[in-house]
N, C-alpha and C. Protein backbone atom coordinates (compact mmCIF):
# COMPACT_ATOMS: atom_id res chain seq x y z
N UNK A 1 0.85 -1.18 0.00
CA UNK A 1 0.00 0.00 0.00
C UNK A 1 0.89 1.24 0.00
N UNK A 2 0.73 2.11 -1.00
CA UNK A 2 1.58 3.30 -1.06
C UNK A 2 1.21 4.31 0.02
N UNK A 3 2.23 4.98 0.52
CA UNK A 3 1.99 6.00 1.53
C UNK A 3 1.63 7.32 0.88
N UNK A 4 0.75 8.06 1.53
CA UNK A 4 0.35 9.37 1.03
C UNK A 4 1.36 10.39 1.53
N UNK A 5 1.83 11.24 0.65
CA UNK A 5 2.85 12.22 1.04
C UNK A 5 2.24 13.29 1.95
N UNK A 6 3.09 13.95 2.68
CA UNK A 6 2.66 15.01 3.58
C UNK A 6 1.97 16.13 2.81
N UNK A 7 2.51 16.47 1.66
CA UNK A 7 1.91 17.52 0.84
C UNK A 7 0.49 17.14 0.40
N UNK A 8 0.29 15.89 0.02
CA UNK A 8 -1.04 15.43 -0.39
C UNK A 8 -2.02 15.45 0.79
N UNK A 9 -1.54 15.10 1.98
CA UNK A 9 -2.41 15.12 3.16
C UNK A 9 -2.82 16.55 3.49
N UNK A 10 -1.89 17.49 3.40
CA UNK A 10 -2.21 18.90 3.67
C UNK A 10 -3.14 19.43 2.59
N UNK A 11 -2.89 19.09 1.33
CA UNK A 11 -3.74 19.52 0.23
C UNK A 11 -5.17 19.01 0.42
N UNK A 12 -5.31 17.77 0.85
CA UNK A 12 -6.62 17.19 1.10
C UNK A 12 -7.32 17.91 2.26
N UNK A 13 -6.57 18.20 3.30
CA UNK A 13 -7.12 18.92 4.45
C UNK A 13 -7.60 20.31 4.05
N UNK A 14 -6.85 20.99 3.21
CA UNK A 14 -7.22 22.33 2.76
C UNK A 14 -8.48 22.29 1.91
N UNK A 15 -8.56 21.33 1.00
CA UNK A 15 -9.72 21.27 0.11
C UNK A 15 -11.00 20.91 0.86
N UNK A 16 -10.90 20.13 1.93
CA UNK A 16 -12.09 19.76 2.72
C UNK A 16 -12.53 20.88 3.65
N UNK A 17 -11.63 21.77 4.01
CA UNK A 17 -11.91 22.81 4.98
C UNK A 17 -12.77 23.92 4.40
N UNK A 18 -13.68 24.45 5.22
CA UNK A 18 -14.49 25.60 4.81
C UNK A 18 -13.75 26.91 5.04
N UNK A 19 -12.70 26.86 5.81
CA UNK A 19 -11.92 28.04 6.14
C UNK A 19 -11.14 28.52 4.92
N UNK A 20 -10.96 29.83 4.82
CA UNK A 20 -10.16 30.42 3.74
C UNK A 20 -8.74 30.71 4.19
N UNK A 21 -8.52 30.76 5.50
CA UNK A 21 -7.21 31.14 6.05
C UNK A 21 -6.69 29.99 6.91
N UNK A 22 -5.39 29.76 6.79
CA UNK A 22 -4.75 28.69 7.55
C UNK A 22 -3.51 29.22 8.22
N UNK A 23 -3.28 28.80 9.45
CA UNK A 23 -2.05 29.10 10.15
C UNK A 23 -1.15 27.88 10.04
N UNK A 24 0.13 28.11 10.14
CA UNK A 24 1.07 27.01 10.04
C UNK A 24 0.81 25.97 11.13
N UNK A 25 0.37 26.43 12.30
CA UNK A 25 0.14 25.50 13.41
C UNK A 25 -1.09 24.61 13.18
N UNK A 26 -1.94 24.95 12.19
CA UNK A 26 -3.07 24.09 11.85
C UNK A 26 -2.60 22.75 11.30
N UNK A 27 -1.38 22.68 10.80
CA UNK A 27 -0.87 21.47 10.16
C UNK A 27 0.20 20.77 11.00
N UNK A 28 0.34 21.12 12.28
CA UNK A 28 1.34 20.50 13.15
C UNK A 28 1.16 19.00 13.27
N UNK A 29 -0.09 18.56 13.18
CA UNK A 29 -0.39 17.13 13.36
C UNK A 29 0.16 16.27 12.23
N UNK A 30 0.50 16.88 11.09
CA UNK A 30 0.97 16.12 9.94
C UNK A 30 2.47 15.85 9.95
N UNK A 31 3.24 16.68 10.63
CA UNK A 31 4.68 16.49 10.63
C UNK A 31 5.37 17.58 11.42
N UNK A 32 6.71 17.56 11.38
CA UNK A 32 7.44 18.58 12.14
C UNK A 32 7.48 19.90 11.38
N UNK A 33 8.04 20.90 12.01
CA UNK A 33 8.03 22.28 11.52
C UNK A 33 8.61 22.40 10.11
N UNK A 34 9.77 21.78 9.88
CA UNK A 34 10.43 21.90 8.58
C UNK A 34 9.66 21.18 7.48
N UNK A 35 9.14 20.02 7.77
CA UNK A 35 8.37 19.26 6.77
C UNK A 35 7.13 20.03 6.35
N UNK A 36 6.41 20.57 7.33
CA UNK A 36 5.20 21.34 7.04
C UNK A 36 5.56 22.58 6.24
N UNK A 37 6.65 23.23 6.59
CA UNK A 37 7.10 24.41 5.87
C UNK A 37 7.39 24.11 4.41
N UNK A 38 8.08 23.00 4.15
CA UNK A 38 8.37 22.61 2.76
C UNK A 38 7.09 22.32 1.99
N UNK A 39 6.15 21.64 2.63
CA UNK A 39 4.88 21.32 1.96
C UNK A 39 4.09 22.59 1.66
N UNK A 40 4.04 23.53 2.61
CA UNK A 40 3.31 24.78 2.39
C UNK A 40 3.98 25.62 1.29
N UNK A 41 5.30 25.63 1.26
CA UNK A 41 6.02 26.34 0.21
C UNK A 41 5.72 25.74 -1.15
N UNK A 42 5.66 24.42 -1.21
CA UNK A 42 5.36 23.75 -2.47
C UNK A 42 3.92 24.04 -2.92
N UNK A 43 2.98 24.04 -1.99
CA UNK A 43 1.59 24.35 -2.33
C UNK A 43 1.46 25.81 -2.77
N UNK A 44 2.25 26.69 -2.18
CA UNK A 44 2.24 28.09 -2.60
C UNK A 44 2.81 28.23 -4.01
N UNK A 45 3.86 27.48 -4.29
CA UNK A 45 4.49 27.52 -5.60
C UNK A 45 3.54 26.98 -6.68
N UNK A 46 2.74 25.97 -6.31
CA UNK A 46 1.79 25.37 -7.25
C UNK A 46 0.51 26.18 -7.41
N UNK A 47 0.32 27.21 -6.58
CA UNK A 47 -0.85 28.07 -6.71
C UNK A 47 -2.06 27.64 -5.92
N UNK A 48 -1.93 26.67 -5.03
CA UNK A 48 -3.06 26.25 -4.19
C UNK A 48 -3.25 27.20 -3.01
N UNK A 49 -2.14 27.78 -2.52
CA UNK A 49 -2.15 28.70 -1.38
C UNK A 49 -1.35 29.94 -1.75
N UNK A 50 -1.63 31.03 -1.04
CA UNK A 50 -0.78 32.22 -1.11
C UNK A 50 -0.40 32.57 0.32
N UNK A 51 0.83 33.01 0.48
CA UNK A 51 1.31 33.42 1.79
C UNK A 51 0.94 34.88 1.99
N UNK A 52 0.20 35.17 3.08
CA UNK A 52 -0.24 36.54 3.33
C UNK A 52 0.42 37.12 4.58
N UNK A 53 1.18 36.33 5.28
CA UNK A 53 1.87 36.81 6.47
C UNK A 53 2.74 35.70 7.02
N UNK A 54 3.44 35.99 8.10
CA UNK A 54 4.32 35.01 8.72
C UNK A 54 3.47 33.89 9.30
N UNK A 55 3.53 32.71 8.68
CA UNK A 55 2.75 31.57 9.14
C UNK A 55 1.28 31.66 8.82
N UNK A 56 0.88 32.56 7.95
CA UNK A 56 -0.53 32.73 7.58
C UNK A 56 -0.65 32.53 6.07
N UNK A 57 -1.52 31.61 5.69
CA UNK A 57 -1.74 31.28 4.29
C UNK A 57 -3.23 31.36 3.98
N UNK A 58 -3.56 31.64 2.71
CA UNK A 58 -4.95 31.72 2.27
C UNK A 58 -5.13 30.86 1.03
N UNK A 59 -6.34 30.32 0.88
CA UNK A 59 -6.65 29.56 -0.33
C UNK A 59 -6.52 30.49 -1.53
N UNK A 60 -6.10 29.93 -2.66
CA UNK A 60 -5.85 30.75 -3.84
C UNK A 60 -6.56 30.20 -5.07
N UNK A 61 -6.72 31.09 -6.03
CA UNK A 61 -7.26 30.75 -7.34
C UNK A 61 -6.45 31.53 -8.37
N UNK A 62 -6.44 31.09 -9.62
CA UNK A 62 -5.71 31.85 -10.63
C UNK A 62 -6.44 33.13 -11.01
N UNK A 63 -5.68 34.19 -11.20
CA UNK A 63 -6.24 35.47 -11.62
C UNK A 63 -6.72 35.37 -13.06
N UNK A 64 -7.87 35.99 -13.35
CA UNK A 64 -8.37 35.97 -14.72
C UNK A 64 -7.54 36.87 -15.63
N UNK A 65 -6.83 37.83 -15.05
CA UNK A 65 -6.03 38.75 -15.85
C UNK A 65 -4.64 38.21 -16.14
N UNK A 66 -3.94 37.77 -15.08
CA UNK A 66 -2.55 37.37 -15.26
C UNK A 66 -2.31 35.87 -15.15
N UNK A 67 -3.24 35.14 -14.55
CA UNK A 67 -3.05 33.72 -14.33
C UNK A 67 -2.26 33.41 -13.08
N UNK A 68 -1.73 34.43 -12.40
CA UNK A 68 -1.01 34.23 -11.15
C UNK A 68 -2.00 33.96 -10.02
N UNK A 69 -1.58 33.21 -8.99
CA UNK A 69 -2.51 32.92 -7.90
C UNK A 69 -2.83 34.18 -7.08
N UNK A 70 -4.12 34.32 -6.73
CA UNK A 70 -4.59 35.40 -5.87
C UNK A 70 -5.49 34.78 -4.81
N UNK A 71 -5.66 35.42 -3.66
CA UNK A 71 -6.52 34.85 -2.62
C UNK A 71 -7.98 34.78 -3.07
N UNK A 72 -8.70 33.76 -2.57
CA UNK A 72 -10.12 33.62 -2.86
C UNK A 72 -10.94 34.71 -2.19
N UNK A 73 -10.52 35.14 -1.01
CA UNK A 73 -11.26 36.12 -0.22
C UNK A 73 -10.57 37.48 -0.26
N UNK A 74 -11.30 38.51 0.16
CA UNK A 74 -10.72 39.85 0.21
C UNK A 74 -9.73 39.93 1.37
N UNK A 75 -8.90 40.95 1.33
CA UNK A 75 -7.90 41.13 2.37
C UNK A 75 -8.55 41.36 3.74
N UNK A 76 -9.68 42.06 3.76
CA UNK A 76 -10.40 42.28 5.02
C UNK A 76 -10.91 40.97 5.60
N UNK A 77 -11.48 40.11 4.76
CA UNK A 77 -11.99 38.82 5.23
C UNK A 77 -10.84 37.94 5.71
N UNK A 78 -9.74 37.97 4.99
CA UNK A 78 -8.57 37.19 5.41
C UNK A 78 -8.06 37.69 6.76
N UNK A 79 -7.97 39.01 6.91
CA UNK A 79 -7.50 39.58 8.17
C UNK A 79 -8.41 39.25 9.34
N UNK A 80 -9.71 39.34 9.14
CA UNK A 80 -10.65 39.03 10.22
C UNK A 80 -10.55 37.57 10.63
N UNK A 81 -10.47 36.67 9.65
CA UNK A 81 -10.37 35.25 9.98
C UNK A 81 -9.03 34.91 10.63
N UNK A 82 -7.95 35.53 10.16
CA UNK A 82 -6.64 35.29 10.77
C UNK A 82 -6.62 35.79 12.21
N UNK A 83 -7.19 36.97 12.46
CA UNK A 83 -7.23 37.49 13.82
C UNK A 83 -8.05 36.58 14.73
N UNK A 84 -9.16 36.06 14.21
CA UNK A 84 -9.99 35.15 15.00
C UNK A 84 -9.19 33.90 15.36
N UNK A 85 -8.45 33.36 14.39
CA UNK A 85 -7.65 32.16 14.65
C UNK A 85 -6.49 32.44 15.60
N UNK A 86 -6.00 33.68 15.60
CA UNK A 86 -4.91 34.05 16.49
C UNK A 86 -5.40 34.45 17.88
N UNK A 87 -6.72 34.50 18.06
CA UNK A 87 -7.28 34.82 19.37
C UNK A 87 -7.44 36.30 19.63
N UNK A 88 -7.47 37.12 18.59
CA UNK A 88 -7.64 38.57 18.74
C UNK A 88 -9.04 38.93 18.27
N UNK A 89 -9.78 39.63 19.11
CA UNK A 89 -11.12 40.06 18.72
C UNK A 89 -10.98 41.29 17.82
N UNK A 90 -11.43 41.16 16.57
CA UNK A 90 -11.24 42.24 15.60
C UNK A 90 -12.54 42.48 14.84
N UNK A 91 -12.66 43.68 14.31
CA UNK A 91 -13.79 44.06 13.47
C UNK A 91 -13.24 45.00 12.39
N UNK A 92 -14.08 45.35 11.45
CA UNK A 92 -13.67 46.31 10.43
C UNK A 92 -13.35 47.64 11.09
N UNK A 93 -12.58 48.46 10.43
CA UNK A 93 -12.24 49.77 10.95
C UNK A 93 -13.47 50.68 11.00
N UNK A 94 -13.33 51.82 11.66
CA UNK A 94 -14.43 52.75 11.88
C UNK A 94 -15.10 53.19 10.58
N UNK A 95 -14.32 53.60 9.60
CA UNK A 95 -14.90 54.11 8.35
C UNK A 95 -15.59 52.98 7.56
N UNK A 96 -15.04 51.77 7.58
CA UNK A 96 -15.67 50.64 6.89
C UNK A 96 -16.98 50.23 7.58
N UNK A 97 -17.00 50.31 8.91
CA UNK A 97 -18.25 50.00 9.64
C UNK A 97 -19.32 51.02 9.30
N UNK A 98 -18.95 52.30 9.25
CA UNK A 98 -19.93 53.34 8.92
C UNK A 98 -20.47 53.14 7.50
N UNK A 99 -19.61 52.77 6.57
CA UNK A 99 -20.06 52.53 5.20
C UNK A 99 -20.98 51.31 5.14
N UNK A 100 -20.59 50.24 5.86
CA UNK A 100 -21.39 49.02 5.88
C UNK A 100 -22.77 49.25 6.49
N UNK A 101 -22.83 50.08 7.53
CA UNK A 101 -24.09 50.34 8.23
C UNK A 101 -24.93 51.42 7.55
N UNK A 102 -24.43 52.03 6.49
CA UNK A 102 -25.18 53.04 5.76
C UNK A 102 -25.12 54.43 6.36
N UNK A 103 -24.21 54.66 7.30
CA UNK A 103 -24.07 55.98 7.93
C UNK A 103 -23.20 56.91 7.10
N UNK A 104 -22.49 56.36 6.14
CA UNK A 104 -21.60 57.17 5.30
C UNK A 104 -21.68 56.65 3.86
N UNK A 105 -21.45 57.54 2.92
CA UNK A 105 -21.42 57.13 1.53
C UNK A 105 -19.98 57.05 1.00
N UNK A 106 -19.03 57.38 1.84
CA UNK A 106 -17.62 57.35 1.44
C UNK A 106 -17.05 55.96 1.65
N UNK A 107 -16.53 55.39 0.57
CA UNK A 107 -15.90 54.08 0.67
C UNK A 107 -14.48 54.25 1.21
N UNK A 108 -14.10 53.44 2.20
CA UNK A 108 -12.73 53.54 2.70
C UNK A 108 -11.73 53.04 1.66
N UNK A 109 -10.61 53.74 1.55
CA UNK A 109 -9.58 53.37 0.57
C UNK A 109 -8.66 52.27 1.10
N UNK A 110 -8.32 52.34 2.37
CA UNK A 110 -7.40 51.37 2.95
C UNK A 110 -8.18 50.32 3.73
N UNK A 111 -7.62 49.12 3.79
CA UNK A 111 -8.21 48.04 4.57
C UNK A 111 -7.71 48.18 6.00
N UNK A 112 -8.63 48.51 6.91
CA UNK A 112 -8.27 48.75 8.31
C UNK A 112 -9.10 47.84 9.20
N UNK A 113 -8.44 47.22 10.17
CA UNK A 113 -9.14 46.42 11.17
C UNK A 113 -9.02 47.10 12.52
N UNK A 114 -10.11 47.08 13.25
CA UNK A 114 -10.11 47.59 14.61
C UNK A 114 -9.85 46.42 15.55
N UNK A 115 -8.79 46.51 16.34
CA UNK A 115 -8.40 45.40 17.21
C UNK A 115 -8.58 45.73 18.69
N UNK A 116 -9.24 46.82 19.00
CA UNK A 116 -9.48 47.18 20.39
C UNK A 116 -8.18 47.51 21.10
N UNK A 117 -8.01 46.93 22.27
CA UNK A 117 -6.81 47.20 23.06
C UNK A 117 -5.69 46.19 22.81
N UNK A 118 -5.93 45.24 21.91
CA UNK A 118 -4.90 44.24 21.61
C UNK A 118 -3.72 44.89 20.89
N UNK A 119 -2.54 44.38 21.18
CA UNK A 119 -1.34 44.87 20.50
C UNK A 119 -1.01 43.90 19.39
N UNK A 120 -1.27 44.30 18.17
CA UNK A 120 -1.03 43.44 17.02
C UNK A 120 0.12 44.03 16.21
N UNK A 121 1.14 43.22 15.99
CA UNK A 121 2.30 43.66 15.23
C UNK A 121 2.36 42.89 13.90
N UNK A 122 1.61 41.83 13.80
CA UNK A 122 1.66 40.96 12.63
C UNK A 122 1.26 41.69 11.35
N UNK A 123 2.05 41.52 10.32
CA UNK A 123 1.79 42.14 9.04
C UNK A 123 1.06 41.13 8.15
N UNK A 124 -0.11 41.51 7.68
CA UNK A 124 -0.87 40.68 6.76
C UNK A 124 -1.02 41.48 5.47
N UNK A 125 -0.50 40.92 4.38
CA UNK A 125 -0.54 41.65 3.12
C UNK A 125 -0.53 40.68 1.95
N UNK A 126 -0.92 41.20 0.81
CA UNK A 126 -0.80 40.45 -0.44
C UNK A 126 -0.49 41.45 -1.54
N UNK A 127 0.59 41.21 -2.24
CA UNK A 127 1.02 42.15 -3.27
C UNK A 127 1.40 43.47 -2.63
N UNK A 128 0.81 44.56 -3.13
CA UNK A 128 1.12 45.89 -2.59
C UNK A 128 0.10 46.33 -1.54
N UNK A 129 -0.90 45.52 -1.29
CA UNK A 129 -1.94 45.89 -0.32
C UNK A 129 -1.63 45.25 1.03
N UNK A 130 -1.73 46.04 2.10
CA UNK A 130 -1.47 45.54 3.45
C UNK A 130 -2.58 46.00 4.39
N UNK A 131 -2.81 45.20 5.41
CA UNK A 131 -3.77 45.58 6.44
C UNK A 131 -3.17 46.59 7.38
N UNK A 132 -3.99 47.52 7.85
CA UNK A 132 -3.59 48.43 8.91
C UNK A 132 -4.51 48.19 10.08
N UNK A 133 -4.04 48.55 11.26
CA UNK A 133 -4.80 48.31 12.48
C UNK A 133 -5.09 49.63 13.17
N UNK A 134 -6.26 49.72 13.80
CA UNK A 134 -6.60 50.86 14.63
C UNK A 134 -7.14 50.34 15.95
N UNK A 135 -7.04 51.20 16.96
CA UNK A 135 -7.52 50.80 18.28
C UNK A 135 -8.90 51.30 18.53
């Protein structure tokens, strides 16, 4: 009976998951730190995942314009899910909440998350776009 490779096991786990964001520690059960790192790098190279931060990966799809992998979800959705997985209570920034609730007609230009009193230093970005945090 052939053994299933670590990369195939992680790929299967990702495809079954409803989550769009994965932390490196989500795959600790499959192998040690270096093995998981190599598998995640390979999946990123193949376009199944994109790296959006240190130990933070998102499901990817090919871009209709360039064919390069891009995240399935928006940067705000990725940031909110990553913060939830990291144990930080976060919400959209003040201007995005006002726009969402219909209190303002101005669309926010930057992706901002409100993290309350938590001290977040983690950088979450894709391409030239990065998340910013407000208290």
